[in-house]
Amino acid sequence: MIIVDGHCDSIGEHVDNKRLLNVHSSQGHVDLPRLRKGGVTVQFFASFIEAEYKGNQAAIRGLQLVEGCRKLIVDNPEYLLLLSGYKTIEEAHLTGRTAALLSVEGGDALGGNLFMLRVLYHLGVRALGLTWNHANDLAGGVAEPGGLTGFGREVVQEMNAL
């Protein structure tokens, strides 16, 4: 059986040295030993950009989190593989490891620049939520309703192309 967990907010804790994900813990959404014990084949690792980060600072924080997750994967090959496609899922399933899908929560990580979407993609990010609770350059959010902006439409078109 292939088990997919579509979200965890653990990368920020790891990057900020609040908790090591390669050590079992009863805290937080996940850690690598619990992923293995649970037989999770695919884990979406969300890079959440906190509200205090805006513009270029949001883009820098997004890159910091994505790079932190990439380092976690490289440092723990016995647990993780960077998900690049379906073959990675098959390999993870056959070897008892977890395919790590890099995701970004909220288009704030783009810092208002479309090229950042391509940068994130080249770093391995395969999912991007347009907004979180608040409106941003791409669209309205739960707390601030609104549709896609012109930039948001460009981002969706580029995501489809990638």
N, C-alpha and C. Protein backbone atom coordinates (compact mmCIF):
# COMPACT_ATOMS: atom_id res chain seq x y z
N MET A 1 0.84 -1.17 0.00
CA MET A 1 0.00 0.00 0.00
C MET A 1 0.89 1.24 0.00
N ILE A 2 0.51 2.24 -0.78
CA ILE A 2 1.22 3.51 -0.81
C ILE A 2 0.44 4.52 0.02
N ILE A 3 1.10 5.06 1.03
CA ILE A 3 0.48 6.05 1.92
C ILE A 3 1.08 7.41 1.60
N VAL A 4 0.20 8.40 1.36
CA VAL A 4 0.62 9.76 1.05
C VAL A 4 0.07 10.69 2.13
N ASP A 5 0.97 11.46 2.75
CA ASP A 5 0.57 12.49 3.70
C ASP A 5 0.73 13.83 2.99
N GLY A 6 -0.37 14.52 2.74
CA GLY A 6 -0.36 15.72 1.93
C GLY A 6 0.08 16.99 2.62
N HIS A 7 0.53 16.92 3.87
CA HIS A 7 0.95 18.17 4.52
C HIS A 7 1.62 17.91 5.87
N CYS A 8 2.70 18.62 6.11
CA CYS A 8 3.26 18.71 7.47
C CYS A 8 3.98 20.04 7.59
N ASP A 9 3.92 20.61 8.77
CA ASP A 9 4.58 21.88 9.07
C ASP A 9 5.80 21.63 9.95
N SER A 10 6.73 20.82 9.47
CA SER A 10 7.88 20.47 10.30
C SER A 10 9.19 21.07 9.82
N ILE A 11 9.27 21.48 8.58
CA ILE A 11 10.52 21.99 8.04
C ILE A 11 10.98 23.25 8.76
N GLY A 12 10.06 24.17 9.04
CA GLY A 12 10.43 25.40 9.75
C GLY A 12 11.05 25.10 11.10
N GLU A 13 10.50 24.14 11.81
CA GLU A 13 11.04 23.77 13.12
C GLU A 13 12.46 23.22 12.96
N HIS A 14 12.66 22.43 11.92
CA HIS A 14 13.97 21.84 11.67
C HIS A 14 14.98 22.92 11.29
N VAL A 15 14.61 23.77 10.34
CA VAL A 15 15.52 24.82 9.86
C VAL A 15 15.86 25.80 10.99
N ASP A 16 14.90 26.10 11.84
CA ASP A 16 15.12 27.04 12.94
C ASP A 16 15.73 26.38 14.18
N ASN A 17 16.15 25.12 14.04
CA ASN A 17 16.79 24.36 15.12
C ASN A 17 15.93 24.22 16.37
N LYS A 18 14.62 24.16 16.17
CA LYS A 18 13.72 23.93 17.30
C LYS A 18 13.52 22.44 17.55
N ARG A 19 13.76 21.65 16.49
CA ARG A 19 13.55 20.21 16.60
C ARG A 19 14.26 19.54 15.43
N LEU A 20 14.98 18.47 15.71
CA LEU A 20 15.64 17.71 14.65
C LEU A 20 14.69 16.65 14.13
N LEU A 21 14.52 16.61 12.83
CA LEU A 21 13.56 15.66 12.26
C LEU A 21 14.11 14.25 12.11
N ASN A 22 15.40 14.06 12.25
CA ASN A 22 15.94 12.71 12.17
C ASN A 22 15.94 12.00 13.53
N VAL A 23 15.35 12.65 14.53
CA VAL A 23 15.25 12.09 15.88
C VAL A 23 13.78 11.91 16.23
N HIS A 24 13.43 10.74 16.76
CA HIS A 24 12.04 10.50 17.15
C HIS A 24 11.60 11.51 18.20
N SER A 25 10.38 12.00 18.05
CA SER A 25 9.83 12.97 18.99
C SER A 25 8.33 12.77 19.07
N SER A 26 7.76 13.13 20.20
CA SER A 26 6.29 13.12 20.32
C SER A 26 5.73 14.49 19.97
N GLN A 27 6.61 15.42 19.59
CA GLN A 27 6.20 16.79 19.24
C GLN A 27 6.12 16.94 17.73
N GLY A 28 5.35 17.92 17.27
CA GLY A 28 5.31 18.26 15.86
C GLY A 28 4.55 17.27 15.00
N HIS A 29 4.41 17.63 13.74
CA HIS A 29 3.64 16.80 12.81
C HIS A 29 4.34 15.49 12.49
N VAL A 30 5.62 15.56 12.10
CA VAL A 30 6.33 14.33 11.72
C VAL A 30 7.79 14.42 12.12
N ASP A 31 8.42 13.27 12.12
CA ASP A 31 9.88 13.14 12.14
C ASP A 31 10.18 11.88 11.34
N LEU A 32 11.42 11.70 10.96
CA LEU A 32 11.76 10.61 10.06
C LEU A 32 11.48 9.22 10.65
N PRO A 33 11.83 8.96 11.92
CA PRO A 33 11.49 7.65 12.47
C PRO A 33 9.97 7.36 12.48
N ARG A 34 9.16 8.38 12.76
CA ARG A 34 7.70 8.16 12.74
C ARG A 34 7.19 7.94 11.32
N LEU A 35 7.78 8.61 10.33
CA LEU A 35 7.37 8.37 8.94
C LEU A 35 7.63 6.91 8.57
N ARG A 36 8.81 6.41 8.94
CA ARG A 36 9.13 5.01 8.63
C ARG A 36 8.19 4.06 9.37
N LYS A 37 7.98 4.31 10.65
CA LYS A 37 7.10 3.44 11.44
C LYS A 37 5.69 3.42 10.85
N GLY A 38 5.22 4.57 10.37
CA GLY A 38 3.88 4.66 9.79
C GLY A 38 3.79 4.17 8.36
N GLY A 39 4.92 3.83 7.76
CA GLY A 39 4.92 3.34 6.40
C GLY A 39 4.54 4.39 5.37
N VAL A 40 4.85 5.66 5.66
CA VAL A 40 4.49 6.75 4.74
C VAL A 40 5.42 6.71 3.53
N THR A 41 4.83 6.57 2.36
CA THR A 41 5.59 6.49 1.11
C THR A 41 5.89 7.87 0.54
N VAL A 42 4.94 8.79 0.65
CA VAL A 42 5.12 10.15 0.14
C VAL A 42 4.72 11.14 1.24
N GLN A 43 5.63 12.06 1.52
CA GLN A 43 5.35 13.11 2.50
C GLN A 43 5.53 14.46 1.83
N PHE A 44 4.48 15.28 1.85
CA PHE A 44 4.58 16.67 1.41
C PHE A 44 5.21 17.45 2.56
N PHE A 45 6.36 18.04 2.32
CA PHE A 45 7.02 18.89 3.31
C PHE A 45 6.73 20.34 2.94
N ALA A 46 5.88 21.00 3.72
CA ALA A 46 5.45 22.36 3.42
C ALA A 46 6.45 23.38 3.96
N SER A 47 6.86 24.29 3.10
CA SER A 47 7.63 25.45 3.52
C SER A 47 6.64 26.57 3.75
N PHE A 48 6.38 26.85 5.00
CA PHE A 48 5.40 27.87 5.38
C PHE A 48 6.13 29.18 5.62
N ILE A 49 5.71 30.23 4.91
CA ILE A 49 6.31 31.54 5.05
C ILE A 49 5.48 32.33 6.07
N GLU A 50 6.08 32.62 7.21
CA GLU A 50 5.38 33.32 8.28
C GLU A 50 5.00 34.73 7.83
N ALA A 51 3.94 35.27 8.43
CA ALA A 51 3.37 36.55 8.02
C ALA A 51 4.34 37.72 8.14
N GLU A 52 5.32 37.62 9.03
CA GLU A 52 6.24 38.76 9.18
C GLU A 52 7.19 38.92 7.98
N TYR A 53 7.27 37.91 7.13
CA TYR A 53 8.13 37.99 5.95
C TYR A 53 7.32 38.54 4.77
N LYS A 54 7.81 39.60 4.16
CA LYS A 54 7.14 40.25 3.03
C LYS A 54 8.14 40.46 1.90
N GLY A 55 7.65 40.49 0.66
CA GLY A 55 8.47 40.82 -0.50
C GLY A 55 9.70 39.94 -0.61
N ASN A 56 10.87 40.58 -0.78
CA ASN A 56 12.11 39.83 -0.94
C ASN A 56 12.44 38.98 0.28
N GLN A 57 12.06 39.45 1.46
CA GLN A 57 12.32 38.66 2.67
C GLN A 57 11.52 37.36 2.67
N ALA A 58 10.31 37.39 2.10
CA ALA A 58 9.52 36.16 1.97
C ALA A 58 10.18 35.20 1.01
N ALA A 59 10.74 35.73 -0.08
CA ALA A 59 11.43 34.89 -1.04
C ALA A 59 12.67 34.26 -0.41
N ILE A 60 13.41 35.05 0.36
CA ILE A 60 14.60 34.51 1.03
C ILE A 60 14.22 33.44 2.03
N ARG A 61 13.17 33.69 2.82
CA ARG A 61 12.73 32.68 3.79
C ARG A 61 12.28 31.41 3.07
N GLY A 62 11.58 31.56 1.95
CA GLY A 62 11.16 30.39 1.19
C GLY A 62 12.35 29.58 0.72
N LEU A 63 13.37 30.24 0.19
CA LEU A 63 14.57 29.54 -0.26
C LEU A 63 15.28 28.88 0.92
N GLN A 64 15.31 29.55 2.06
CA GLN A 64 15.94 28.99 3.25
C GLN A 64 15.25 27.68 3.66
N LEU A 65 13.93 27.68 3.63
CA LEU A 65 13.18 26.49 4.02
C LEU A 65 13.34 25.36 3.01
N VAL A 66 13.27 25.70 1.72
CA VAL A 66 13.44 24.67 0.68
C VAL A 66 14.84 24.07 0.77
N GLU A 67 15.85 24.91 0.91
CA GLU A 67 17.22 24.40 1.03
C GLU A 67 17.38 23.57 2.29
N GLY A 68 16.74 23.98 3.39
CA GLY A 68 16.79 23.19 4.62
C GLY A 68 16.19 21.81 4.44
N CYS A 69 15.11 21.73 3.67
CA CYS A 69 14.49 20.43 3.40
C CYS A 69 15.37 19.59 2.48
N ARG A 70 15.96 20.22 1.48
CA ARG A 70 16.88 19.50 0.59
C ARG A 70 18.06 18.93 1.38
N LYS A 71 18.59 19.71 2.32
CA LYS A 71 19.70 19.24 3.16
C LYS A 71 19.25 18.07 4.03
N LEU A 72 18.05 18.15 4.57
CA LEU A 72 17.50 17.04 5.37
C LEU A 72 17.48 15.76 4.54
N ILE A 73 17.08 15.87 3.29
CA ILE A 73 17.01 14.71 2.40
C ILE A 73 18.40 14.16 2.13
N VAL A 74 19.34 15.03 1.79
CA VAL A 74 20.72 14.61 1.49
C VAL A 74 21.37 13.97 2.70
N ASP A 75 21.13 14.53 3.88
CA ASP A 75 21.75 14.03 5.11
C ASP A 75 21.12 12.75 5.63
N ASN A 76 19.97 12.36 5.10
CA ASN A 76 19.24 11.19 5.61
C ASN A 76 18.78 10.28 4.48
N PRO A 77 19.71 9.79 3.65
CA PRO A 77 19.31 8.98 2.49
C PRO A 77 18.70 7.63 2.88
N GLU A 78 18.94 7.20 4.10
CA GLU A 78 18.33 5.94 4.54
C GLU A 78 16.84 6.11 4.81
N TYR A 79 16.38 7.35 4.94
CA TYR A 79 14.97 7.65 5.20
C TYR A 79 14.26 8.28 4.01
N LEU A 80 14.96 9.17 3.28
CA LEU A 80 14.28 10.05 2.33
C LEU A 80 14.88 10.02 0.92
N LEU A 81 14.00 10.27 -0.05
CA LEU A 81 14.37 10.52 -1.44
C LEU A 81 13.66 11.80 -1.87
N LEU A 82 14.31 12.62 -2.69
CA LEU A 82 13.65 13.81 -3.22
C LEU A 82 12.71 13.37 -4.33
N LEU A 83 11.43 13.68 -4.17
CA LEU A 83 10.44 13.27 -5.16
C LEU A 83 10.58 14.13 -6.41
N SER A 84 10.86 13.46 -7.52
CA SER A 84 10.96 14.17 -8.79
C SER A 84 9.94 13.65 -9.79
N GLY A 85 9.33 12.52 -9.49
CA GLY A 85 8.34 11.94 -10.38
C GLY A 85 7.86 10.61 -9.81
N TYR A 86 7.01 9.93 -10.58
CA TYR A 86 6.41 8.69 -10.08
C TYR A 86 7.45 7.62 -9.79
N LYS A 87 8.53 7.58 -10.56
CA LYS A 87 9.56 6.56 -10.31
C LYS A 87 10.16 6.69 -8.91
N THR A 88 10.22 7.91 -8.39
CA THR A 88 10.71 8.13 -7.03
C THR A 88 9.76 7.49 -6.03
N ILE A 89 8.47 7.59 -6.28
CA ILE A 89 7.48 6.97 -5.39
C ILE A 89 7.64 5.46 -5.40
N GLU A 90 7.82 4.89 -6.59
CA GLU A 90 8.04 3.44 -6.69
C GLU A 90 9.28 3.02 -5.93
N GLU A 91 10.38 3.77 -6.11
CA GLU A 91 11.63 3.44 -5.42
C GLU A 91 11.46 3.53 -3.90
N ALA A 92 10.80 4.59 -3.43
CA ALA A 92 10.57 4.74 -1.99
C ALA A 92 9.77 3.57 -1.46
N HIS A 93 8.73 3.19 -2.18
CA HIS A 93 7.87 2.08 -1.76
C HIS A 93 8.67 0.77 -1.68
N LEU A 94 9.51 0.53 -2.66
CA LEU A 94 10.28 -0.72 -2.71
C LEU A 94 11.39 -0.76 -1.67
N THR A 95 11.91 0.39 -1.28
CA THR A 95 13.05 0.42 -0.35
C THR A 95 12.68 0.80 1.07
N GLY A 96 11.39 1.04 1.34
CA GLY A 96 10.96 1.38 2.69
C GLY A 96 11.34 2.79 3.11
N ARG A 97 11.58 3.65 2.13
CA ARG A 97 11.90 5.04 2.42
C ARG A 97 10.69 5.91 2.09
N THR A 98 10.83 7.21 2.32
CA THR A 98 9.77 8.16 2.04
C THR A 98 10.22 9.11 0.94
N ALA A 99 9.38 9.28 -0.07
CA ALA A 99 9.63 10.26 -1.12
C ALA A 99 9.17 11.61 -0.59
N ALA A 100 10.09 12.54 -0.51
CA ALA A 100 9.81 13.87 0.03
C ALA A 100 9.39 14.80 -1.09
N LEU A 101 8.15 15.26 -1.04
CA LEU A 101 7.66 16.22 -2.02
C LEU A 101 7.79 17.61 -1.40
N LEU A 102 8.62 18.44 -2.01
CA LEU A 102 8.81 19.80 -1.52
C LEU A 102 7.64 20.66 -1.96
N SER A 103 7.03 21.34 -1.01
CA SER A 103 5.91 22.23 -1.32
C SER A 103 6.11 23.56 -0.61
N VAL A 104 5.42 24.57 -1.12
CA VAL A 104 5.49 25.90 -0.53
C VAL A 104 4.06 26.35 -0.24
N GLU A 105 3.84 26.80 0.99
CA GLU A 105 2.53 27.29 1.39
C GLU A 105 2.46 28.79 1.17
N GLY A 106 1.79 29.17 0.12
CA GLY A 106 1.60 30.59 -0.15
C GLY A 106 2.60 31.15 -1.14
N GLY A 107 2.09 31.86 -2.13
CA GLY A 107 2.91 32.44 -3.17
C GLY A 107 3.79 33.58 -2.71
N ASP A 108 3.76 33.91 -1.42
CA ASP A 108 4.64 34.96 -0.89
C ASP A 108 6.10 34.62 -1.15
N ALA A 109 6.42 33.32 -1.23
CA ALA A 109 7.79 32.88 -1.45
C ALA A 109 8.33 33.33 -2.80
N LEU A 110 7.46 33.76 -3.70
CA LEU A 110 7.92 34.24 -5.00
C LEU A 110 8.44 35.67 -4.93
N GLY A 111 8.10 36.37 -3.86
CA GLY A 111 8.55 37.75 -3.71
C GLY A 111 8.10 38.65 -4.84
N GLY A 112 6.98 38.30 -5.48
CA GLY A 112 6.45 39.11 -6.57
C GLY A 112 7.16 38.91 -7.90
N ASN A 113 8.00 37.88 -8.00
CA ASN A 113 8.79 37.64 -9.20
C ASN A 113 8.48 36.28 -9.80
N LEU A 114 8.03 36.25 -11.04
CA LEU A 114 7.68 34.99 -11.70
C LEU A 114 8.89 34.06 -11.83
N PHE A 115 10.08 34.62 -12.04
CA PHE A 115 11.26 33.76 -12.20
C PHE A 115 11.51 32.92 -10.96
N MET A 116 11.05 33.39 -9.77
CA MET A 116 11.25 32.61 -8.55
C MET A 116 10.50 31.28 -8.60
N LEU A 117 9.40 31.23 -9.33
CA LEU A 117 8.68 29.98 -9.48
C LEU A 117 9.57 28.96 -10.18
N ARG A 118 10.27 29.39 -11.22
CA ARG A 118 11.17 28.48 -11.94
C ARG A 118 12.35 28.09 -11.06
N VAL A 119 12.87 29.02 -10.27
CA VAL A 119 13.96 28.71 -9.35
C VAL A 119 13.52 27.62 -8.36
N LEU A 120 12.35 27.82 -7.77
CA LEU A 120 11.83 26.82 -6.82
C LEU A 120 11.63 25.47 -7.49
N TYR A 121 11.13 25.49 -8.71
CA TYR A 121 10.94 24.24 -9.45
C TYR A 121 12.28 23.53 -9.66
N HIS A 122 13.30 24.28 -10.07
CA HIS A 122 14.63 23.69 -10.29
C HIS A 122 15.24 23.16 -9.00
N LEU A 123 14.82 23.70 -7.87
CA LEU A 123 15.29 23.20 -6.57
C LEU A 123 14.51 21.97 -6.12
N GLY A 124 13.45 21.61 -6.86
CA GLY A 124 12.70 20.40 -6.53
C GLY A 124 11.30 20.62 -6.01
N VAL A 125 10.87 21.87 -5.87
CA VAL A 125 9.51 22.13 -5.39
C VAL A 125 8.52 21.66 -6.45
N ARG A 126 7.51 20.89 -6.02
CA ARG A 126 6.52 20.37 -6.95
C ARG A 126 5.09 20.76 -6.60
N ALA A 127 4.90 21.54 -5.53
CA ALA A 127 3.56 22.01 -5.17
C ALA A 127 3.69 23.39 -4.55
N LEU A 128 2.78 24.29 -4.95
CA LEU A 128 2.77 25.64 -4.40
C LEU A 128 1.32 26.05 -4.19
N GLY A 129 0.97 26.34 -2.94
CA GLY A 129 -0.35 26.90 -2.65
C GLY A 129 -0.31 28.39 -2.94
N LEU A 130 -1.31 28.90 -3.64
CA LEU A 130 -1.29 30.30 -4.04
C LEU A 130 -1.34 31.24 -2.84
N THR A 131 -2.20 30.93 -1.88
CA THR A 131 -2.33 31.77 -0.69
C THR A 131 -2.45 30.88 0.53
N TRP A 132 -2.43 31.52 1.66
CA TRP A 132 -2.73 30.85 2.91
C TRP A 132 -3.91 31.59 3.49
N ASN A 133 -3.85 32.19 4.64
CA ASN A 133 -4.99 32.91 5.20
C ASN A 133 -5.16 34.31 4.65
N HIS A 134 -4.08 34.94 4.29
CA HIS A 134 -4.13 36.35 3.91
C HIS A 134 -3.88 36.53 2.41
N ALA A 135 -4.40 37.63 1.89
CA ALA A 135 -4.17 37.96 0.48
C ALA A 135 -2.69 38.22 0.26
N ASN A 136 -2.25 37.96 -0.97
CA ASN A 136 -0.88 38.27 -1.36
C ASN A 136 -0.88 38.75 -2.82
N ASP A 137 0.28 38.77 -3.45
CA ASP A 137 0.39 39.24 -4.82
C ASP A 137 -0.36 38.36 -5.82
N LEU A 138 -0.73 37.15 -5.41
CA LEU A 138 -1.35 36.19 -6.33
C LEU A 138 -2.87 36.17 -6.24
N ALA A 139 -3.40 36.29 -5.02
CA ALA A 139 -4.86 36.15 -4.85
C ALA A 139 -5.26 36.50 -3.42
N GLY A 140 -6.58 36.51 -3.22
CA GLY A 140 -7.12 36.68 -1.87
C GLY A 140 -6.90 35.40 -1.08
N GLY A 141 -7.12 35.48 0.23
CA GLY A 141 -6.98 34.32 1.09
C GLY A 141 -8.24 34.11 1.90
N VAL A 142 -8.21 33.17 2.82
CA VAL A 142 -9.37 32.85 3.64
C VAL A 142 -9.82 34.06 4.44
N ALA A 143 -8.87 34.76 5.06
CA ALA A 143 -9.21 35.92 5.89
C ALA A 143 -9.42 37.20 5.08
N GLU A 144 -8.94 37.20 3.85
CA GLU A 144 -9.07 38.37 2.98
C GLU A 144 -9.50 37.88 1.59
N PRO A 145 -10.80 37.61 1.43
CA PRO A 145 -11.27 37.03 0.17
C PRO A 145 -10.95 37.89 -1.05
N GLY A 146 -10.81 37.23 -2.15
CA GLY A 146 -10.54 37.88 -3.42
C GLY A 146 -10.09 36.86 -4.44
N GLY A 147 -10.24 37.15 -5.69
CA GLY A 147 -9.85 36.23 -6.74
C GLY A 147 -8.39 36.35 -7.10
N LEU A 148 -8.02 35.67 -8.17
CA LEU A 148 -6.66 35.73 -8.67
C LEU A 148 -6.36 37.13 -9.20
N THR A 149 -5.15 37.57 -8.97
CA THR A 149 -4.67 38.82 -9.55
C THR A 149 -4.09 38.51 -10.93
N GLY A 150 -3.71 39.53 -11.67
CA GLY A 150 -3.04 39.31 -12.94
C GLY A 150 -1.77 38.49 -12.76
N PHE A 151 -0.99 38.82 -11.73
CA PHE A 151 0.22 38.06 -11.43
C PHE A 151 -0.13 36.62 -11.07
N GLY A 152 -1.21 36.44 -10.31
CA GLY A 152 -1.65 35.09 -9.95
C GLY A 152 -1.98 34.25 -11.18
N ARG A 153 -2.60 34.87 -12.17
CA ARG A 153 -2.91 34.16 -13.42
C ARG A 153 -1.62 33.75 -14.15
N GLU A 154 -0.65 34.65 -14.15
CA GLU A 154 0.65 34.32 -14.76
C GLU A 154 1.31 33.14 -14.06
N VAL A 155 1.25 33.14 -12.72
CA VAL A 155 1.85 32.07 -11.93
C VAL A 155 1.16 30.74 -12.24
N VAL A 156 -0.16 30.73 -12.29
CA VAL A 156 -0.89 29.49 -12.59
C VAL A 156 -0.51 28.99 -13.98
N GLN A 157 -0.42 29.88 -14.96
CA GLN A 157 -0.03 29.46 -16.32
C GLN A 157 1.38 28.86 -16.31
N GLU A 158 2.28 29.49 -15.59
CA GLU A 158 3.67 28.97 -15.53
C GLU A 158 3.72 27.65 -14.78
N MET A 159 2.94 27.52 -13.71
CA MET A 159 2.91 26.24 -12.98
C MET A 159 2.41 25.14 -13.92
N ASN A 160 1.39 25.41 -14.71
CA ASN A 160 0.89 24.42 -15.66
C ASN A 160 1.96 24.06 -16.67
N ALA A 161 2.72 25.04 -17.14
CA ALA A 161 3.78 24.78 -18.12
C ALA A 161 4.89 23.93 -17.51
N LEU A 162 5.24 24.21 -16.24
CA LEU A 162 6.30 23.44 -15.59
C LEU A 162 5.84 22.02 -15.31
